[in-house]
Amino acid sequence: MKKEKQTKHTRLHIKENSQNNRATKKQKWILINKQGRLSGILDHSDFDTREKAKSWFQRTSDISGGTININDFYYVLKSEEYEFLKELDVLDIIADDCMN
């Protein structure tokens, strides 16, 4: 009986640790159009890479009836990248070869 209680406690502790690690890996993604204007925000822990975020934005566009390719009209930036570019005031002069 004592061993069973320890096992449950250990499982609970491991589960809590994995949830904490997942929360620390959370990445916020910003969708901007090629003119540098904010178009969308994705703030979810399941989308931890740029490719996953692009895929989510593409699926969202497809669901809403859009037939565009996200890569043709938008950039997907980390929130830190977006804030940095905004701070430099260069969002309106972004070149295609600089992003994605």
C-alpha atoms as a PDB file:
ATOM      1  CA  MET A   1       0.000   0.000   0.000  1.00  0.00           C
ATOM      2  CA  LYS A   2       2.799   2.396   0.888  1.00  0.00           C
ATOM      3  CA  LYS A   3       4.582   1.680  -2.400  1.00  0.00           C
ATOM      4  CA  GLU A   4       1.395   2.412  -4.357  1.00  0.00           C
ATOM      5  CA  LYS A   5       1.068   5.844  -2.704  1.00  0.00           C
ATOM      6  CA  GLN A   6       4.667   6.672  -3.561  1.00  0.00           C
ATOM      7  CA  THR A   7       4.118   5.680  -7.185  1.00  0.00           C
ATOM      8  CA  LYS A   8       1.064   7.931  -7.487  1.00  0.00           C
ATOM      9  CA  HIS A   9       2.988  10.788  -5.900  1.00  0.00           C
ATOM     10  CA  THR A  10       5.915  10.222  -8.267  1.00  0.00           C
ATOM     11  CA  ARG A  11       3.609  10.188 -11.308  1.00  0.00           C
ATOM     12  CA  LEU A  12       1.976  13.391 -10.136  1.00  0.00           C
ATOM     13  CA  HIS A  13       5.350  15.029  -9.619  1.00  0.00           C
ATOM     14  CA  ILE A  14       6.575  13.960 -13.076  1.00  0.00           C
ATOM     15  CA  LYS A  15       3.370  15.214 -14.692  1.00  0.00           C
ATOM     16  CA  GLU A  16       3.716  18.596 -12.967  1.00  0.00           C
ATOM     17  CA  ASN A  17       7.340  18.896 -14.104  1.00  0.00           C
ATOM     18  CA  SER A  18       6.468  18.125 -17.726  1.00  0.00           C
ATOM     19  CA  GLN A  19       3.683  20.711 -17.654  1.00  0.00           C
ATOM     20  CA  ASN A  20       6.079  23.301 -16.227  1.00  0.00           C
ATOM     21  CA  ASN A  21       8.653  22.536 -18.935  1.00  0.00           C
ATOM     22  CA  ARG A  22       6.005  22.856 -21.614  1.00  0.00           C
ATOM     23  CA  ALA A  23       4.907  26.218 -20.245  1.00  0.00           C
ATOM     24  CA  THR A  24       8.467  27.549 -20.326  1.00  0.00           C
ATOM     25  CA  LYS A  25       8.854  26.495 -23.978  1.00  0.00           C
ATOM     26  CA  LYS A  26       5.772  28.465 -25.045  1.00  0.00           C
ATOM     27  CA  GLN A  27       6.532  30.661 -28.044  1.00  0.00           C
ATOM     28  CA  LYS A  28       4.360  33.508 -29.235  1.00  0.00           C
ATOM     29  CA  TRP A  29       4.206  33.928 -33.020  1.00  0.00           C
ATOM     30  CA  ILE A  30       3.324  37.059 -34.951  1.00  0.00           C
ATOM     31  CA  LEU A  31       1.941  37.076 -38.486  1.00  0.00           C
ATOM     32  CA  ILE A  32       2.767  40.215 -40.453  1.00  0.00           C
ATOM     33  CA  ASN A  33       2.007  40.994 -44.061  1.00  0.00           C
ATOM     34  CA  LYS A  34       4.741  41.913 -46.542  1.00  0.00           C
ATOM     35  CA  GLN A  35       4.106  45.589 -45.788  1.00  0.00           C
ATOM     36  CA  GLY A  36       5.015  44.985 -42.135  1.00  0.00           C
ATOM     37  CA  ARG A  37       1.500  45.270 -40.703  1.00  0.00           C
ATOM     38  CA  LEU A  38       0.372  42.990 -37.891  1.00  0.00           C
ATOM     39  CA  SER A  39      -2.110  40.418 -39.185  1.00  0.00           C
ATOM     40  CA  GLY A  40      -2.317  37.753 -36.483  1.00  0.00           C
ATOM     41  CA  ILE A  41      -0.966  36.354 -33.232  1.00  0.00           C
ATOM     42  CA  LEU A  42      -0.556  32.722 -32.206  1.00  0.00           C
ATOM     43  CA  ASP A  43       0.110  32.160 -28.523  1.00  0.00           C
ATOM     44  CA  HIS A  44      -0.097  28.428 -27.817  1.00  0.00           C
ATOM     45  CA  SER A  45       2.428  25.963 -26.419  1.00  0.00           C
ATOM     46  CA  ASP A  46       1.751  23.298 -29.086  1.00  0.00           C
ATOM     47  CA  PHE A  47       3.245  25.541 -31.778  1.00  0.00           C
ATOM     48  CA  ASP A  48       6.887  25.731 -30.762  1.00  0.00           C
ATOM     49  CA  THR A  49       8.509  26.033 -34.204  1.00  0.00           C
ATOM     50  CA  ARG A  50       8.114  28.498 -37.051  1.00  0.00           C
ATOM     51  CA  GLU A  51       6.968  25.723 -39.398  1.00  0.00           C
ATOM     52  CA  LYS A  52       4.220  24.629 -37.006  1.00  0.00           C
ATOM     53  CA  ALA A  53       3.077  28.226 -36.628  1.00  0.00           C
ATOM     54  CA  LYS A  54       3.063  28.743 -40.413  1.00  0.00           C
ATOM     55  CA  SER A  55       1.019  25.593 -40.779  1.00  0.00           C
ATOM     56  CA  TRP A  56      -1.504  26.837 -38.213  1.00  0.00           C
ATOM     57  CA  PHE A  57      -1.846  30.216 -39.928  1.00  0.00           C
ATOM     58  CA  GLN A  58      -2.260  28.449 -43.293  1.00  0.00           C
ATOM     59  CA  ARG A  59      -4.962  26.122 -41.950  1.00  0.00           C
ATOM     60  CA  THR A  60      -6.758  29.087 -40.369  1.00  0.00           C
ATOM     61  CA  SER A  61      -6.729  30.856 -43.730  1.00  0.00           C
ATOM     62  CA  ASP A  62      -8.000  27.730 -45.493  1.00  0.00           C
ATOM     63  CA  ILE A  63     -10.818  27.254 -42.973  1.00  0.00           C
ATOM     64  CA  SER A  64     -11.973  30.848 -43.405  1.00  0.00           C
ATOM     65  CA  GLY A  65     -12.312  30.281 -47.142  1.00  0.00           C
ATOM     66  CA  GLY A  66      -8.992  31.761 -48.160  1.00  0.00           C
ATOM     67  CA  THR A  67      -7.038  30.261 -51.024  1.00  0.00           C
ATOM     68  CA  ILE A  68      -3.771  32.095 -50.483  1.00  0.00           C
ATOM     69  CA  ASN A  69      -0.380  30.640 -49.696  1.00  0.00           C
ATOM     70  CA  ILE A  70       0.773  32.224 -46.430  1.00  0.00           C
ATOM     71  CA  ASN A  71       4.391  32.315 -47.654  1.00  0.00           C
ATOM     72  CA  ASP A  72       3.412  34.519 -50.601  1.00  0.00           C
ATOM     73  CA  PHE A  73       1.900  37.309 -48.527  1.00  0.00           C
ATOM     74  CA  TYR A  74       3.062  36.997 -44.917  1.00  0.00           C
ATOM     75  CA  TYR A  75       5.982  36.463 -42.578  1.00  0.00           C
ATOM     76  CA  VAL A  76       5.806  34.478 -39.347  1.00  0.00           C
ATOM     77  CA  LEU A  77       8.016  36.011 -36.677  1.00  0.00           C
ATOM     78  CA  LYS A  78       8.790  35.201 -33.082  1.00  0.00           C
ATOM     79  CA  SER A  79       7.362  37.887 -30.828  1.00  0.00           C
ATOM     80  CA  GLU A  80      10.919  38.915 -29.921  1.00  0.00           C
ATOM     81  CA  GLU A  81      11.814  39.347 -33.612  1.00  0.00           C
ATOM     82  CA  TYR A  82       8.677  41.414 -34.195  1.00  0.00           C
ATOM     83  CA  GLU A  83       9.355  43.646 -31.179  1.00  0.00           C
ATOM     84  CA  PHE A  84      12.968  44.141 -32.286  1.00  0.00           C
ATOM     85  CA  LEU A  85      11.960  45.159 -35.819  1.00  0.00           C
ATOM     86  CA  LYS A  86       9.228  47.401 -34.448  1.00  0.00           C
ATOM     87  CA  GLU A  87      11.716  49.064 -32.107  1.00  0.00           C
ATOM     88  CA  LEU A  88      14.072  49.708 -35.030  1.00  0.00           C
ATOM     89  CA  ASP A  89      11.093  51.089 -36.970  1.00  0.00           C
ATOM     90  CA  VAL A  90      11.900  48.947 -40.027  1.00  0.00           C
ATOM     91  CA  LEU A  91       8.728  46.869 -40.353  1.00  0.00           C
ATOM     92  CA  ASP A  92       7.643  48.834 -43.423  1.00  0.00           C
ATOM     93  CA  ILE A  93      10.903  48.167 -45.308  1.00  0.00           C
ATOM     94  CA  ILE A  94      11.221  44.421 -44.836  1.00  0.00           C
ATOM     95  CA  ALA A  95      12.776  42.609 -47.808  1.00  0.00           C
ATOM     96  CA  ASP A  96      11.764  39.105 -48.863  1.00  0.00           C
ATOM     97  CA  ASP A  97      15.234  37.650 -48.456  1.00  0.00           C
ATOM     98  CA  CYS A  98      15.460  38.767 -44.830  1.00  0.00           C
ATOM     99  CA  MET A  99      12.636  36.654 -43.460  1.00  0.00           C
ATOM    100  CA  ASN A 100      11.473  33.046 -43.273  1.00  0.00           C
END
